[in-house]
PDB file of N, CA and C in Angstrom:
ATOM      1  N   MET A   1      20.200  10.091   7.707  1.00  0.00           N
ATOM      2  CA  MET A   1      19.304  11.377   8.186  1.00  0.00           C
ATOM      3  C   MET A   1      18.403  10.882   9.504  1.00  0.00           C
ATOM      4  N   ASP A   2      18.283  11.421  10.379  1.00  0.00           N
ATOM      5  CA  ASP A   2      16.787  11.139  11.361  1.00  0.00           C
ATOM      6  C   ASP A   2      15.838  12.026  10.876  1.00  0.00           C
ATOM      7  N   ASP A   3      14.482  11.700  11.309  1.00  0.00           N
ATOM      8  CA  ASP A   3      13.517  12.388  11.214  1.00  0.00           C
ATOM      9  C   ASP A   3      13.392  13.862  11.722  1.00  0.00           C
ATOM     10  N   GLU A   4      14.356  14.472  12.664  1.00  0.00           N
ATOM     11  CA  GLU A   4      14.736  15.600  13.121  1.00  0.00           C
ATOM     12  C   GLU A   4      15.343  16.336  12.272  1.00  0.00           C
ATOM     13  N   THR A   5      16.200  16.053  11.553  1.00  0.00           N
ATOM     14  CA  THR A   5      17.138  16.566  10.612  1.00  0.00           C
ATOM     15  C   THR A   5      16.202  17.754   9.444  1.00  0.00           C
ATOM     16  N   LYS A   6      16.984  18.518   9.639  1.00  0.00           N
ATOM     17  CA  LYS A   6      16.005  19.739   8.857  1.00  0.00           C
ATOM     18  C   LYS A   6      16.894  19.646   7.134  1.00  0.00           C
ATOM     19  N   LEU A   7      16.764  20.010   6.361  1.00  0.00           N
ATOM     20  CA  LEU A   7      17.164  20.084   5.083  1.00  0.00           C
ATOM     21  C   LEU A   7      17.208  21.505   4.702  1.00  0.00           C
ATOM     22  N   ILE A   8      17.695  21.750   4.152  1.00  0.00           N
ATOM     23  CA  ILE A   8      18.218  23.061   3.521  1.00  0.00           C
ATOM     24  C   ILE A   8      18.109  22.820   2.098  1.00  0.00           C
ATOM     25  N   THR A   9      17.460  23.621   1.099  1.00  0.00           N
ATOM     26  CA  THR A   9      17.292  23.417  -0.027  1.00  0.00           C
ATOM     27  C   THR A   9      17.825  24.526  -0.878  1.00  0.00           C
ATOM     28  N   SER A  10      18.923  24.381  -1.823  1.00  0.00           N
ATOM     29  CA  SER A  10      19.312  25.597  -2.678  1.00  0.00           C
ATOM     30  C   SER A  10      18.571  26.415  -3.231  1.00  0.00           C
ATOM     31  N   ARG A  11      18.867  27.877  -3.378  1.00  0.00           N
ATOM     32  CA  ARG A  11      18.035  28.417  -4.299  1.00  0.00           C
ATOM     33  C   ARG A  11      18.311  28.143  -5.774  1.00  0.00           C
ATOM     34  N   LEU A  12      19.535  27.149  -5.749  1.00  0.00           N
ATOM     35  CA  LEU A  12      19.799  26.537  -7.251  1.00  0.00           C
ATOM     36  C   LEU A  12      19.245  25.436  -7.620  1.00  0.00           C
ATOM     37  N   SER A  13      18.329  24.695  -6.945  1.00  0.00           N
ATOM     38  CA  SER A  13      17.626  23.704  -7.227  1.00  0.00           C
ATOM     39  C   SER A  13      16.460  24.248  -8.594  1.00  0.00           C
ATOM     40  N   ARG A  14      15.845  23.656  -9.301  1.00  0.00           N
ATOM     41  CA  ARG A  14      15.420  23.761 -10.420  1.00  0.00           C
ATOM     42  C   ARG A  14      14.917  22.791 -11.418  1.00  0.00           C
ATOM     43  N   THR A  15      13.736  23.036 -12.159  1.00  0.00           N
ATOM     44  CA  THR A  15      13.297  22.098 -13.188  1.00  0.00           C
ATOM     45  C   THR A  15      14.210  22.601 -14.206  1.00  0.00           C
ATOM     46  N   ILE A  16      14.511  21.262 -15.148  1.00  0.00           N
ATOM     47  CA  ILE A  16      15.229  21.760 -16.505  1.00  0.00           C
ATOM     48  C   ILE A  16      14.442  20.868 -17.530  1.00  0.00           C
ATOM     49  N   THR A  17      14.327  21.421 -18.532  1.00  0.00           N
ATOM     50  CA  THR A  17      13.559  20.762 -19.740  1.00  0.00           C
ATOM     51  C   THR A  17      14.915  20.835 -21.347  1.00  0.00           C
ATOM     52  N   ARG A  18      15.203  19.951 -21.727  1.00  0.00           N
ATOM     53  CA  ARG A  18      15.772  19.954 -22.820  1.00  0.00           C
ATOM     54  C   ARG A  18      15.831  18.376 -23.482  1.00  0.00           C
ATOM     55  N   ASP A  19      15.652  18.760 -25.087  1.00  0.00           N
ATOM     56  CA  ASP A  19      15.723  17.597 -25.621  1.00  0.00           C
ATOM     57  C   ASP A  19      14.233  16.944 -25.354  1.00  0.00           C
ATOM     58  N   GLY A  20      13.402  17.518 -24.866  1.00  0.00           N
ATOM     59  CA  GLY A  20      11.895  17.070 -24.382  1.00  0.00           C
ATOM     60  C   GLY A  20      12.010  16.299 -23.512  1.00  0.00           C
ATOM     61  N   ILE A  21      12.837  16.251 -22.331  1.00  0.00           N
ATOM     62  CA  ILE A  21      13.173  15.547 -21.352  1.00  0.00           C
ATOM     63  C   ILE A  21      12.909  16.752 -20.026  1.00  0.00           C
ATOM     64  N   THR A  22      11.893  16.587 -19.294  1.00  0.00           N
ATOM     65  CA  THR A  22      12.235  17.287 -17.971  1.00  0.00           C
ATOM     66  C   THR A  22      12.314  16.709 -16.940  1.00  0.00           C
ATOM     67  N   VAL A  23      13.283  17.221 -15.841  1.00  0.00           N
ATOM     68  CA  VAL A  23      13.700  16.910 -14.427  1.00  0.00           C
ATOM     69  C   VAL A  23      13.834  17.605 -13.574  1.00  0.00           C
ATOM     70  N   GLU A  24      13.900  17.162 -12.356  1.00  0.00           N
ATOM     71  CA  GLU A  24      13.642  18.349 -11.514  1.00  0.00           C
ATOM     72  C   GLU A  24      15.065  17.992 -10.724  1.00  0.00           C
ATOM     73  N   VAL A  25      15.792  19.137 -10.542  1.00  0.00           N
ATOM     74  CA  VAL A  25      17.335  19.064 -10.075  1.00  0.00           C
ATOM     75  C   VAL A  25      17.090  19.657  -8.387  1.00  0.00           C
ATOM     76  N   LEU A  26      17.745  18.862  -7.683  1.00  0.00           N
ATOM     77  CA  LEU A  26      17.352  19.056  -6.003  1.00  0.00           C
ATOM     78  C   LEU A  26      18.724  19.047  -5.465  1.00  0.00           C
ATOM     79  N   ILE A  27      19.384  20.027  -5.231  1.00  0.00           N
ATOM     80  CA  ILE A  27      20.650  20.845  -4.602  1.00  0.00           C
ATOM     81  C   ILE A  27      20.124  20.893  -3.008  1.00  0.00           C
ATOM     82  N   VAL A  28      20.592  20.119  -1.942  1.00  0.00           N
ATOM     83  CA  VAL A  28      20.345  19.989  -0.862  1.00  0.00           C
ATOM     84  C   VAL A  28      21.458  19.556   0.198  1.00  0.00           C
ATOM     85  N   ARG A  29      21.151  20.101   1.735  1.00  0.00           N
ATOM     86  CA  ARG A  29      22.012  19.698   2.667  1.00  0.00           C
ATOM     87  C   ARG A  29      21.609  19.694   3.954  1.00  0.00           C
ATOM     88  N   ALA A  30      22.246  18.721   4.619  1.00  0.00           N
ATOM     89  CA  ALA A  30      21.359  18.965   6.127  1.00  0.00           C
ATOM     90  C   ALA A  30      21.955  20.169   7.074  1.00  0.00           C
ATOM     91  N   GLU A  31      20.772  20.586   7.528  1.00  0.00           N
ATOM     92  CA  GLU A  31      21.468  21.629   8.544  1.00  0.00           C
ATOM     93  C   GLU A  31      22.541  21.709   9.156  1.00  0.00           C
ATOM     94  N   GLY A  32      23.624  22.747   8.962  1.00  0.00           N
ATOM     95  CA  GLY A  32      24.764  22.370  10.077  1.00  0.00           C
ATOM     96  C   GLY A  32      25.795  21.286   9.051  1.00  0.00           C
ATOM     97  N   ASP A  33      25.424  20.747   8.193  1.00  0.00           N
ATOM     98  CA  ASP A  33      26.112  20.030   7.286  1.00  0.00           C
ATOM     99  C   ASP A  33      26.843  21.246   6.099  1.00  0.00           C
ATOM    100  N   PRO A  34      28.168  21.028   5.962  1.00  0.00           N
ATOM    101  CA  PRO A  34      28.856  22.356   5.049  1.00  0.00           C
ATOM    102  C   PRO A  34      28.674  21.385   3.530  1.00  0.00           C
ATOM    103  N   GLU A  35      28.237  20.099   3.422  1.00  0.00           N
ATOM    104  CA  GLU A  35      28.460  19.767   2.365  1.00  0.00           C
ATOM    105  C   GLU A  35      27.070  19.594   1.470  1.00  0.00           C
ATOM    106  N   TRP A  36      27.086  19.667   0.106  1.00  0.00           N
ATOM    107  CA  TRP A  36      25.595  19.818  -0.718  1.00  0.00           C
ATOM    108  C   TRP A  36      25.573  18.421  -1.348  1.00  0.00           C
ATOM    109  N   THR A  37      24.292  17.559  -1.420  1.00  0.00           N
ATOM    110  CA  THR A  37      24.269  16.662  -2.456  1.00  0.00           C
ATOM    111  C   THR A  37      23.248  16.947  -3.664  1.00  0.00           C
ATOM    112  N   LEU A  38      23.544  16.034  -4.564  1.00  0.00           N
ATOM    113  CA  LEU A  38      22.686  16.429  -5.668  1.00  0.00           C
ATOM    114  C   LEU A  38      21.950  15.264  -6.312  1.00  0.00           C
ATOM    115  N   GLU A  39      20.629  15.529  -6.624  1.00  0.00           N
ATOM    116  CA  GLU A  39      19.596  14.708  -6.963  1.00  0.00           C
ATOM    117  C   GLU A  39      18.588  15.150  -8.146  1.00  0.00           C
ATOM    118  N   VAL A  40      18.843  14.019  -9.486  1.00  0.00           N
ATOM    119  CA  VAL A  40      17.909  14.148 -10.414  1.00  0.00           C
ATOM    120  C   VAL A  40      16.680  13.555 -10.266  1.00  0.00           C
ATOM    121  N   VAL A  41      15.579  14.102 -10.503  1.00  0.00           N
ATOM    122  CA  VAL A  41      14.304  13.173 -10.420  1.00  0.00           C
ATOM    123  C   VAL A  41      13.790  13.241 -11.708  1.00  0.00           C
ATOM    124  N   ASP A  42      13.679  12.084 -12.474  1.00  0.00           N
ATOM    125  CA  ASP A  42      13.198  12.330 -13.888  1.00  0.00           C
ATOM    126  C   ASP A  42      11.220  12.304 -13.983  1.00  0.00           C
ATOM    127  N   GLN A  43      10.714  12.305 -15.241  1.00  0.00           N
ATOM    128  CA  GLN A  43       9.390  12.319 -14.992  1.00  0.00           C
ATOM    129  C   GLN A  43       8.534  11.269 -14.268  1.00  0.00           C
ATOM    130  N   GLU A  44       9.306  10.398 -14.401  1.00  0.00           N
ATOM    131  CA  GLU A  44       8.610   9.230 -13.811  1.00  0.00           C
ATOM    132  C   GLU A  44       8.775   9.086 -12.703  1.00  0.00           C
ATOM    133  N   GLY A  45       9.815   9.850 -11.918  1.00  0.00           N
ATOM    134  CA  GLY A  45       9.637   9.869 -10.414  1.00  0.00           C
ATOM    135  C   GLY A  45      10.981   9.052 -10.101  1.00  0.00           C
ATOM    136  N   ALA A  46      11.918   8.451 -10.807  1.00  0.00           N
ATOM    137  CA  ALA A  46      13.090   7.704 -10.943  1.00  0.00           C
ATOM    138  C   ALA A  46      14.082   8.834 -10.352  1.00  0.00           C
ATOM    139  N   CYS A  47      14.897   8.477  -9.274  1.00  0.00           N
ATOM    140  CA  CYS A  47      16.069   9.622  -8.965  1.00  0.00           C
ATOM    141  C   CYS A  47      17.537   8.953  -9.446  1.00  0.00           C
ATOM    142  N   THR A  48      18.487   9.899  -9.475  1.00  0.00           N
ATOM    143  CA  THR A  48      19.432   9.805  -9.790  1.00  0.00           C
ATOM    144  C   THR A  48      20.398  10.617  -8.627  1.00  0.00           C
ATOM    145  N   VAL A  49      20.963  10.067  -7.993  1.00  0.00           N
ATOM    146  CA  VAL A  49      21.799  10.602  -6.690  1.00  0.00           C
ATOM    147  C   VAL A  49      23.345  10.334  -6.821  1.00  0.00           C
ATOM    148  N   TRP A  50      23.950  11.475  -6.823  1.00  0.00           N
ATOM    149  CA  TRP A  50      25.361  11.675  -6.840  1.00  0.00           C
ATOM    150  C   TRP A  50      25.939  10.768  -5.418  1.00  0.00           C
ATOM    151  N   GLU A  51      27.012  10.256  -5.365  1.00  0.00           N
ATOM    152  CA  GLU A  51      27.125   9.740  -4.107  1.00  0.00           C
ATOM    153  C   GLU A  51      28.057  10.587  -3.457  1.00  0.00           C
ATOM    154  N   ASP A  52      29.277  11.555  -4.558  1.00  0.00           N
ATOM    155  CA  ASP A  52      29.849  12.439  -3.963  1.00  0.00           C
ATOM    156  C   ASP A  52      29.049  13.830  -3.531  1.00  0.00           C
ATOM    157  N   THR A  53      29.708  14.303  -2.833  1.00  0.00           N
ATOM    158  CA  THR A  53      28.997  15.674  -2.157  1.00  0.00           C
ATOM    159  C   THR A  53      30.112  16.697  -2.561  1.00  0.00           C
ATOM    160  N   PHE A  54      29.438  17.958  -2.498  1.00  0.00           N
ATOM    161  CA  PHE A  54      29.991  18.968  -2.943  1.00  0.00           C
ATOM    162  C   PHE A  54      30.470  20.168  -2.076  1.00  0.00           C
ATOM    163  N   ALA A  55      31.286  20.730  -2.299  1.00  0.00           N
ATOM    164  CA  ALA A  55      31.561  21.976  -1.149  1.00  0.00           C
ATOM    165  C   ALA A  55      30.657  23.188  -1.511  1.00  0.00           C
ATOM    166  N   THR A  56      30.140  23.139  -2.823  1.00  0.00           N
ATOM    167  CA  THR A  56      29.205  24.533  -2.757  1.00  0.00           C
ATOM    168  C   THR A  56      27.971  24.102  -3.653  1.00  0.00           C
ATOM    169  N   GLU A  57      27.014  24.877  -3.606  1.00  0.00           N
ATOM    170  CA  GLU A  57      25.735  24.789  -4.172  1.00  0.00           C
ATOM    171  C   GLU A  57      26.188  24.836  -5.877  1.00  0.00           C
ATOM    172  N   GLN A  58      27.050  26.030  -6.183  1.00  0.00           N
ATOM    173  CA  GLN A  58      27.618  26.059  -7.286  1.00  0.00           C
ATOM    174  C   GLN A  58      28.332  24.866  -8.007  1.00  0.00           C
ATOM    175  N   ASP A  59      29.061  24.200  -7.402  1.00  0.00           N
ATOM    176  CA  ASP A  59      29.878  22.903  -7.791  1.00  0.00           C
ATOM    177  C   ASP A  59      28.858  21.978  -8.354  1.00  0.00           C
ATOM    178  N   ALA A  60      27.573  21.541  -7.262  1.00  0.00           N
ATOM    179  CA  ALA A  60      26.796  20.698  -7.693  1.00  0.00           C
ATOM    180  C   ALA A  60      26.282  21.007  -8.971  1.00  0.00           C
ATOM    181  N   LEU A  61      25.515  22.333  -8.956  1.00  0.00           N
ATOM    182  CA  LEU A  61      25.052  22.480 -10.486  1.00  0.00           C
ATOM    183  C   LEU A  61      25.924  22.544 -11.493  1.00  0.00           C
ATOM    184  N   ASN A  62      27.142  22.942 -11.442  1.00  0.00           N
ATOM    185  CA  ASN A  62      28.397  22.750 -12.347  1.00  0.00           C
ATOM    186  C   ASN A  62      28.516  21.351 -12.336  1.00  0.00           C
ATOM    187  N   GLU A  63      28.407  20.492 -11.823  1.00  0.00           N
ATOM    188  CA  GLU A  63      28.600  19.158 -11.983  1.00  0.00           C
ATOM    189  C   GLU A  63      27.342  18.453 -12.845  1.00  0.00           C
ATOM    190  N   LEU A  64      26.248  18.886 -12.410  1.00  0.00           N
ATOM    191  CA  LEU A  64      24.998  18.446 -13.658  1.00  0.00           C
ATOM    192  C   LEU A  64      25.166  18.921 -14.962  1.00  0.00           C
ATOM    193  N   PHE A  65      25.358  20.459 -14.831  1.00  0.00           N
ATOM    194  CA  PHE A  65      25.620  20.488 -16.379  1.00  0.00           C
ATOM    195  C   PHE A  65      26.748  20.120 -17.127  1.00  0.00           C
ATOM    196  N   GLN A  66      27.726  19.609 -16.404  1.00  0.00           N
ATOM    197  CA  GLN A  66      28.678  18.538 -16.964  1.00  0.00           C
ATOM    198  C   GLN A  66      28.457  17.518 -17.658  1.00  0.00           C
ATOM    199  N   THR A  67      27.329  16.779 -16.633  1.00  0.00           N
ATOM    200  CA  THR A  67      27.038  15.276 -16.846  1.00  0.00           C
ATOM    201  C   THR A  67      26.018  15.565 -18.047  1.00  0.00           C
ATOM    202  N   ILE A  68      25.338  16.492 -18.098  1.00  0.00           N
ATOM    203  CA  ILE A  68      24.103  16.767 -19.256  1.00  0.00           C
ATOM    204  C   ILE A  68      25.009  16.916 -20.450  1.00  0.00           C
ATOM    205  N   ALA A  69      26.069  17.508 -20.553  1.00  0.00           N
ATOM    206  CA  ALA A  69      26.990  18.022 -21.652  1.00  0.00           C
ATOM    207  C   ALA A  69      27.635  16.562 -22.348  1.00  0.00           C
ATOM    208  N   ALA A  70      27.903  15.838 -21.055  1.00  0.00           N
ATOM    209  CA  ALA A  70      28.791  14.576 -21.643  1.00  0.00           C
ATOM    210  C   ALA A  70      27.798  13.396 -21.952  1.00  0.00           C
ATOM    211  N   ASP A  71      26.762  13.247 -21.557  1.00  0.00           N
ATOM    212  CA  ASP A  71      25.815  12.326 -21.363  1.00  0.00           C
ATOM    213  C   ASP A  71      24.317  12.240 -21.797  1.00  0.00           C
ATOM    214  N   GLY A  72      24.053  13.666 -21.649  1.00  0.00           N
ATOM    215  CA  GLY A  72      22.616  13.988 -22.305  1.00  0.00           C
ATOM    216  C   GLY A  72      21.916  14.191 -21.263  1.00  0.00           C
ATOM    217  N   MET A  73      20.761  14.459 -21.582  1.00  0.00           N
ATOM    218  CA  MET A  73      19.497  14.401 -20.463  1.00  0.00           C
ATOM    219  C   MET A  73      18.941  12.868 -20.341  1.00  0.00           C
ATOM    220  N   SER A  74      19.033  12.272 -21.274  1.00  0.00           N
ATOM    221  CA  SER A  74      18.320  10.823 -21.252  1.00  0.00           C
ATOM    222  C   SER A  74      19.246   9.824 -20.384  1.00  0.00           C
ATOM    223  N   SER A  75      20.299  10.241 -20.045  1.00  0.00           N
ATOM    224  CA  SER A  75      21.094   9.562 -19.107  1.00  0.00           C
ATOM    225  C   SER A  75      20.308   9.576 -17.718  1.00  0.00           C
ATOM    226  N   PHE A  76      19.536  10.341 -17.521  1.00  0.00           N
ATOM    227  CA  PHE A  76      18.825  10.647 -16.362  1.00  0.00           C
ATOM    228  C   PHE A  76      17.646   9.433 -16.187  1.00  0.00           C
ATOM    229  N   LEU A  77      16.957   9.183 -17.417  1.00  0.00           N
ATOM    230  CA  LEU A  77      15.657   8.545 -17.560  1.00  0.00           C
ATOM    231  C   LEU A  77      15.734   6.889 -17.095  1.00  0.00           C
ATOM    232  N   TRP A  78      15.205   6.806 -16.229  1.00  0.00           N
ATOM    233  CA  TRP A  78      14.948   5.521 -15.767  1.00  0.00           C
ATOM    234  C   TRP A  78      14.727   4.229 -17.407  1.00  0.00           C
ATOM    235  N   ARG A  79      16.011   3.027 -16.876  1.00  0.00           N
ATOM    236  CA  ARG A  79      15.297   2.040 -18.001  1.00  0.00           C
ATOM    237  C   ARG A  79      15.600   0.888 -17.136  1.00  0.00           C
ATOM    238  N   PRO A  80      14.415   0.037 -17.161  1.00  0.00           N
ATOM    239  CA  PRO A  80      14.484  -1.279 -16.576  1.00  0.00           C
ATOM    240  C   PRO A  80      15.684  -2.302 -16.985  1.00  0.00           C
ATOM    241  N   ASP A  81      16.141  -2.054 -18.448  1.00  0.00           N
ATOM    242  CA  ASP A  81      17.306  -3.026 -18.734  1.00  0.00           C
ATOM    243  C   ASP A  81      18.669  -2.241 -18.492  1.00  0.00           C
ATOM    244  N   ARG A  82      18.930  -1.250 -17.680  1.00  0.00           N
ATOM    245  CA  ARG A  82      19.906  -0.698 -17.455  1.00  0.00           C
ATOM    246  C   ARG A  82      20.411  -1.223 -16.335  1.00  0.00           C
ATOM    247  N   THR A  83      22.223  -1.642 -16.713  1.00  0.00           N
ATOM    248  CA  THR A  83      22.764  -2.070 -15.747  1.00  0.00           C
ATOM    249  C   THR A  83      23.660  -0.879 -14.633  1.00  0.00           C
ATOM    250  N   LEU A  84      23.497  -1.246 -13.347  1.00  0.00           N
ATOM    251  CA  LEU A  84      24.020  -0.069 -12.526  1.00  0.00           C
ATOM    252  C   LEU A  84      25.067  -0.811 -11.836  1.00  0.00           C
ATOM    253  N   HIS A  85      26.095   0.112 -11.974  1.00  0.00           N
ATOM    254  CA  HIS A  85      27.777  -0.387 -11.421  1.00  0.00           C
ATOM    255  C   HIS A  85      27.969   0.003 -10.150  1.00  0.00           C
TER     256      HIS A  85
END
């Protein structure tokens, strides 16, 4: 995206706290782009960004809740010893 691109933030973006962990959930898309992106920012400012895009805002939020159910909130915390694939 260039500096001129306007980002649309979903009304479903929010802050979530569970298990003592707070994250900011950002669901955004570029103006004119139908696909939504999903990003989670942890308490330290580290980001987890999904490579896949989503057809709807709700699809992105559903993916977040599925990830939390499967992997827990701690999966969003940055760990210096974590191996990224």
